[in-house]
Amino acid sequence: MSWQRPDGREPYQLRPIRFERNFTRFASGSVLTHCGDTQVLCTVSVQECVPKFLEGKGQGWLTAEYRMLPSATPQRQEREFMKLSGRTQEIQRLIGRSLRAALDLNALGERTIVVDADVLQADAGTRTTAITGGFVALADAIAKLLNEGKLERSPIIHQVAAISVGLLEGEPFLDLNYPEDVAADVDFNVVMNEKLSMIELQGTAEHGFFSRPQLNKLLDFAEKGIRDLLEMQRETLGTFLF
């Protein structure tokens, strides 16, 4: 018997996605991203400096920080202070790499963009939601720099979105929620740009192994989901920046 989705979605169907822009007052860009029951607040800050290894090179930088609120999951999690878990470090590096791929860092000039992804509620897919929503917040922050005359042209050269896919009982499913994420035999996180070129592919067999044809099916599902997410980003942003 094939896997029955707890929320009744089709195997290739995304959870409901919604972007609430300008969610906070002081950030250059802020978006509360809803992906089903997962909620991630993405805020973007701009600093007029760069890390020491980039000083004097005329280019900018983008970095990301990721945290999960203690009450984001059914059981309270301790806050991470000085020592970050390996999972947190891995996720924020993924977010940073993914969103740097959207930018021409030379066009950014010697300034640093910091993307903060704070998980308010977790039902799986927090890292992919952070990337997809983070791009919307990044686009808003760049628009603000352009409007203020701090940039001559937009450094955004690519649109970026991310989604999860997995195998349950041997069949592919798109955008896993928590019960599916726990039960999946194989799960992947896929990051692509508007050309559907891959930026990052993270995947593993949690139990056993998977075949090349199964991998191809998973990537087909991921491509379909990312197409939909890219369209939702465009609808949200209106006039695009590249």
Protein backbone atom coordinates (compact mmCIF):
# COMPACT_ATOMS: atom_id res chain seq x y z
CA MET A 1 0.00 0.00 0.00
CA SER A 2 1.40 3.41 -1.00
CA TRP A 3 1.99 6.23 1.47
CA GLN A 4 -1.05 8.36 2.24
CA ARG A 5 -0.17 11.98 2.96
CA PRO A 6 -1.43 13.13 6.39
CA ASP A 7 -2.71 16.43 4.95
CA GLY A 8 -4.30 14.88 1.86
CA ARG A 9 -1.96 16.51 -0.68
CA GLU A 10 -1.03 14.93 -3.99
CA PRO A 11 2.54 13.53 -4.09
CA TYR A 12 3.71 16.45 -6.31
CA GLN A 13 1.84 19.18 -4.40
CA LEU A 14 3.45 21.91 -2.27
CA ARG A 15 2.12 22.94 1.11
CA PRO A 16 0.39 26.35 1.09
CA ILE A 17 3.07 29.05 0.78
CA ARG A 18 2.67 32.65 1.89
CA PHE A 19 5.08 35.59 2.23
CA GLU A 20 4.33 38.43 4.68
CA ARG A 21 6.67 41.24 3.65
CA ASN A 22 7.81 44.17 5.82
CA PHE A 23 7.08 42.08 8.89
CA THR A 24 9.46 44.02 11.13
CA ARG A 25 10.19 47.75 11.24
CA PHE A 26 13.95 48.18 11.31
CA ALA A 27 15.35 45.47 9.02
CA SER A 28 16.18 46.44 5.43
CA GLY A 29 14.07 43.49 4.34
CA SER A 30 11.85 41.25 6.43
CA VAL A 31 9.54 38.41 5.44
CA LEU A 32 7.57 35.95 7.54
CA THR A 33 7.37 32.87 5.34
CA HIS A 34 4.62 30.33 5.92
CA CYS A 35 5.11 26.87 4.42
CA GLY A 36 2.24 24.80 5.75
CA ASP A 37 2.74 24.83 9.51
CA THR A 38 6.39 25.86 9.23
CA GLN A 39 6.98 29.57 9.86
CA VAL A 40 10.37 31.22 9.37
CA LEU A 41 11.06 34.92 9.91
CA CYS A 42 13.76 36.09 7.48
CA THR A 43 15.29 39.50 8.12
CA VAL A 44 18.08 41.20 6.18
CA SER A 45 20.52 43.75 7.60
CA VAL A 46 23.10 45.72 5.61
CA GLN A 47 26.48 46.63 7.10
CA GLU A 48 28.78 49.17 5.44
CA CYS A 49 31.86 47.00 5.88
CA VAL A 50 33.20 43.59 4.86
CA PRO A 51 35.11 40.81 6.63
CA LYS A 52 38.85 41.41 6.88
CA PHE A 53 39.66 38.92 4.12
CA LEU A 54 37.70 41.12 1.66
CA GLU A 55 38.87 44.56 2.75
CA GLY A 56 40.12 46.65 -0.16
CA LYS A 57 38.94 44.21 -2.83
CA GLY A 58 35.88 46.21 -3.83
CA GLN A 59 33.42 43.41 -3.38
CA GLY A 60 30.77 42.57 -0.84
CA TRP A 61 29.69 39.54 1.14
CA LEU A 62 26.55 37.76 2.28
CA THR A 63 26.33 35.60 5.36
CA ALA A 64 23.46 33.96 7.23
CA GLU A 65 22.51 33.02 10.77
CA TYR A 66 19.87 30.42 11.63
CA ARG A 67 18.18 29.82 14.96
CA MET A 68 15.12 27.96 16.18
CA LEU A 69 12.98 29.43 18.96
CA PRO A 70 12.66 27.18 22.02
CA SER A 71 8.92 26.76 21.46
CA ALA A 72 9.18 26.10 17.71
CA THR A 73 8.76 22.35 18.31
CA PRO A 74 6.40 20.36 20.57
CA GLN A 75 9.13 19.91 23.19
CA ARG A 76 11.00 23.03 24.24
CA GLN A 77 14.57 23.21 22.98
CA GLU A 78 17.33 24.98 24.86
CA ARG A 79 18.55 28.21 23.28
CA GLU A 80 21.92 28.04 21.55
CA PHE A 81 24.26 30.73 22.81
CA MET A 82 28.05 30.62 22.41
CA LYS A 83 28.27 27.03 21.15
CA LEU A 84 26.15 26.26 18.10
CA SER A 85 25.13 22.72 17.30
CA GLY A 86 26.56 21.08 14.20
CA ARG A 87 23.08 21.10 12.65
CA THR A 88 22.66 24.86 13.16
CA GLN A 89 26.09 25.61 11.67
CA GLU A 90 25.41 23.39 8.67
CA ILE A 91 22.01 25.00 7.98
CA GLN A 92 23.21 28.59 8.22
CA ARG A 93 26.13 27.83 5.91
CA LEU A 94 23.69 26.31 3.42
CA ILE A 95 21.48 29.42 3.57
CA GLY A 96 24.49 31.68 3.09
CA ARG A 97 25.89 29.70 0.13
CA SER A 98 22.49 29.54 -1.53
CA LEU A 99 21.73 33.26 -1.29
CA ARG A 100 25.28 34.31 -2.26
CA ALA A 101 24.58 32.48 -5.52
CA ALA A 102 21.89 35.10 -6.22
CA LEU A 103 24.36 38.01 -6.15
CA ASP A 104 27.12 39.66 -8.11
CA LEU A 105 29.25 40.48 -5.07
CA ASN A 106 31.30 43.02 -7.02
CA ALA A 107 28.16 45.03 -7.77
CA LEU A 108 27.32 45.00 -4.05
CA GLY A 109 30.41 47.03 -3.19
CA GLU A 110 32.21 46.78 0.14
CA ARG A 111 29.21 46.02 2.29
CA THR A 112 27.95 42.90 4.05
CA ILE A 113 24.43 41.54 3.92
CA VAL A 114 23.37 39.46 6.92
CA VAL A 115 20.35 37.20 6.53
CA ASP A 116 18.83 36.08 9.83
CA ALA A 117 16.49 33.09 9.65
CA ASP A 118 14.54 32.54 12.86
CA VAL A 119 12.22 29.55 13.01
CA LEU A 120 9.03 30.46 14.86
CA GLN A 121 7.33 27.13 14.21
CA ALA A 122 8.83 23.96 12.76
CA ASP A 123 7.01 21.30 10.78
CA ALA A 124 9.98 20.22 8.61
CA GLY A 125 11.49 22.12 5.71
CA THR A 126 12.84 24.96 7.84
CA ARG A 127 16.10 25.34 5.87
CA THR A 128 14.37 25.31 2.48
CA THR A 129 11.73 27.74 3.73
CA ALA A 130 14.52 30.00 5.03
CA ILE A 131 16.20 30.06 1.61
CA THR A 132 13.00 30.68 -0.34
CA GLY A 133 11.76 33.38 2.03
CA GLY A 134 15.26 34.74 2.51
CA PHE A 135 15.46 35.52 -1.19
CA VAL A 136 12.29 37.63 -0.99
CA ALA A 137 13.69 39.53 2.01
CA LEU A 138 17.00 39.96 0.17
CA ALA A 139 15.24 41.39 -2.89
CA ASP A 140 13.41 43.90 -0.69
CA ALA A 141 16.67 44.93 0.98
CA ILE A 142 18.38 45.45 -2.38
CA ALA A 143 15.41 47.51 -3.59
CA LYS A 144 15.83 49.74 -0.54
CA LEU A 145 19.55 50.26 -1.29
CA LEU A 146 18.69 51.18 -4.88
CA ASN A 147 15.99 53.61 -3.78
CA GLU A 148 18.42 55.26 -1.36
CA GLY A 149 20.98 55.70 -4.15
CA LYS A 150 23.54 53.48 -2.42
CA LEU A 151 23.72 51.14 -5.42
CA GLU A 152 23.94 52.07 -9.09
CA ARG A 153 22.52 48.74 -10.23
CA SER A 154 21.02 45.68 -8.63
CA PRO A 155 23.56 43.01 -7.67
CA ILE A 156 20.85 40.34 -7.97
CA ILE A 157 21.70 38.17 -10.96
CA HIS A 158 19.68 35.05 -10.11
CA GLN A 159 16.49 34.09 -8.39
CA VAL A 160 16.85 31.31 -5.78
CA ALA A 161 14.41 28.88 -4.16
CA ALA A 162 14.66 25.56 -2.33
CA ILE A 163 12.46 22.56 -1.60
CA SER A 164 12.59 19.13 0.04
CA VAL A 165 11.73 15.82 -1.63
CA GLY A 166 11.74 12.28 -0.33
CA LEU A 167 10.96 8.64 -0.95
CA LEU A 168 8.23 7.05 1.15
CA GLU A 169 7.48 3.39 0.51
CA GLY A 170 9.54 3.68 -2.66
CA GLU A 171 7.60 6.57 -4.18
CA PRO A 172 8.62 10.26 -4.54
CA PHE A 173 6.91 13.04 -2.58
CA LEU A 174 7.38 16.80 -2.67
CA ASP A 175 7.73 19.20 0.27
CA LEU A 176 7.73 16.81 3.22
CA ASN A 177 6.07 17.78 6.49
CA TYR A 178 7.29 16.42 9.82
CA PRO A 179 5.54 13.01 9.85
CA GLU A 180 6.78 12.41 6.30
CA ASP A 181 10.29 13.66 7.05
CA VAL A 182 10.54 11.19 9.95
CA ALA A 183 9.16 8.28 7.91
CA ALA A 184 11.12 8.95 4.68
CA ASP A 185 13.54 6.28 3.48
CA VAL A 186 15.39 8.92 1.43
CA ASP A 187 15.25 12.70 1.74
CA PHE A 188 16.83 15.52 -0.24
CA ASN A 189 17.05 19.29 -0.01
CA VAL A 190 17.37 20.90 -3.43
CA VAL A 191 18.33 24.52 -4.19
CA MET A 192 17.96 25.90 -7.73
CA ASN A 193 17.98 29.22 -9.56
CA GLU A 194 15.51 30.57 -12.12
CA LYS A 195 17.20 28.55 -14.88
CA LEU A 196 16.62 25.40 -12.80
CA SER A 197 20.38 25.05 -12.49
CA MET A 198 21.34 23.38 -9.22
CA ILE A 199 23.03 25.39 -6.50
CA GLU A 200 23.00 22.68 -3.86
CA LEU A 201 21.82 19.09 -3.56
CA GLN A 202 21.80 17.51 -0.12
CA GLY A 203 20.52 13.97 0.14
CA THR A 204 20.89 10.69 1.92
CA ALA A 205 19.30 7.29 2.30
CA GLU A 206 18.06 7.17 5.88
CA HIS A 207 17.31 3.46 5.45
CA GLY A 208 18.89 1.21 2.83
CA PHE A 209 19.64 2.76 -0.54
CA PHE A 210 18.05 4.32 -3.63
CA SER A 211 18.47 3.84 -7.37
CA ARG A 212 19.40 6.26 -10.14
CA PRO A 213 15.84 6.13 -11.60
CA GLN A 214 14.45 7.01 -8.14
CA LEU A 215 16.91 9.92 -7.89
CA ASN A 216 15.75 11.15 -11.30
CA LYS A 217 12.12 11.07 -10.11
CA LEU A 218 13.03 13.00 -6.96
CA LEU A 219 14.78 15.68 -9.00
CA ASP A 220 11.79 15.90 -11.37
CA PHE A 221 9.54 16.51 -8.35
CA ALA A 222 11.98 19.07 -6.93
CA GLU A 223 12.13 20.91 -10.26
CA LYS A 224 8.35 21.08 -10.41
CA GLY A 225 8.14 22.42 -6.86
CA ILE A 226 10.85 25.00 -7.40
CA ARG A 227 9.15 26.24 -10.58
CA ASP A 228 6.05 26.90 -8.47
CA LEU A 229 8.05 28.62 -5.72
CA LEU A 230 9.87 30.85 -8.21
CA GLU A 231 6.52 31.93 -9.64
CA MET A 232 5.20 32.71 -6.14
CA GLN A 233 8.30 34.80 -5.42
CA ARG A 234 7.79 36.76 -8.65
CA GLU A 235 4.13 37.35 -7.87
CA THR A 236 5.07 38.57 -4.40
CA LEU A 237 7.86 40.90 -5.53
CA GLY A 238 6.07 42.34 -8.55
CA THR A 239 8.75 44.16 -10.53
CA PHE A 240 11.82 41.95 -10.53
CA LEU A 241 15.34 43.18 -9.90
CA PHE A 242 17.39 41.53 -12.65
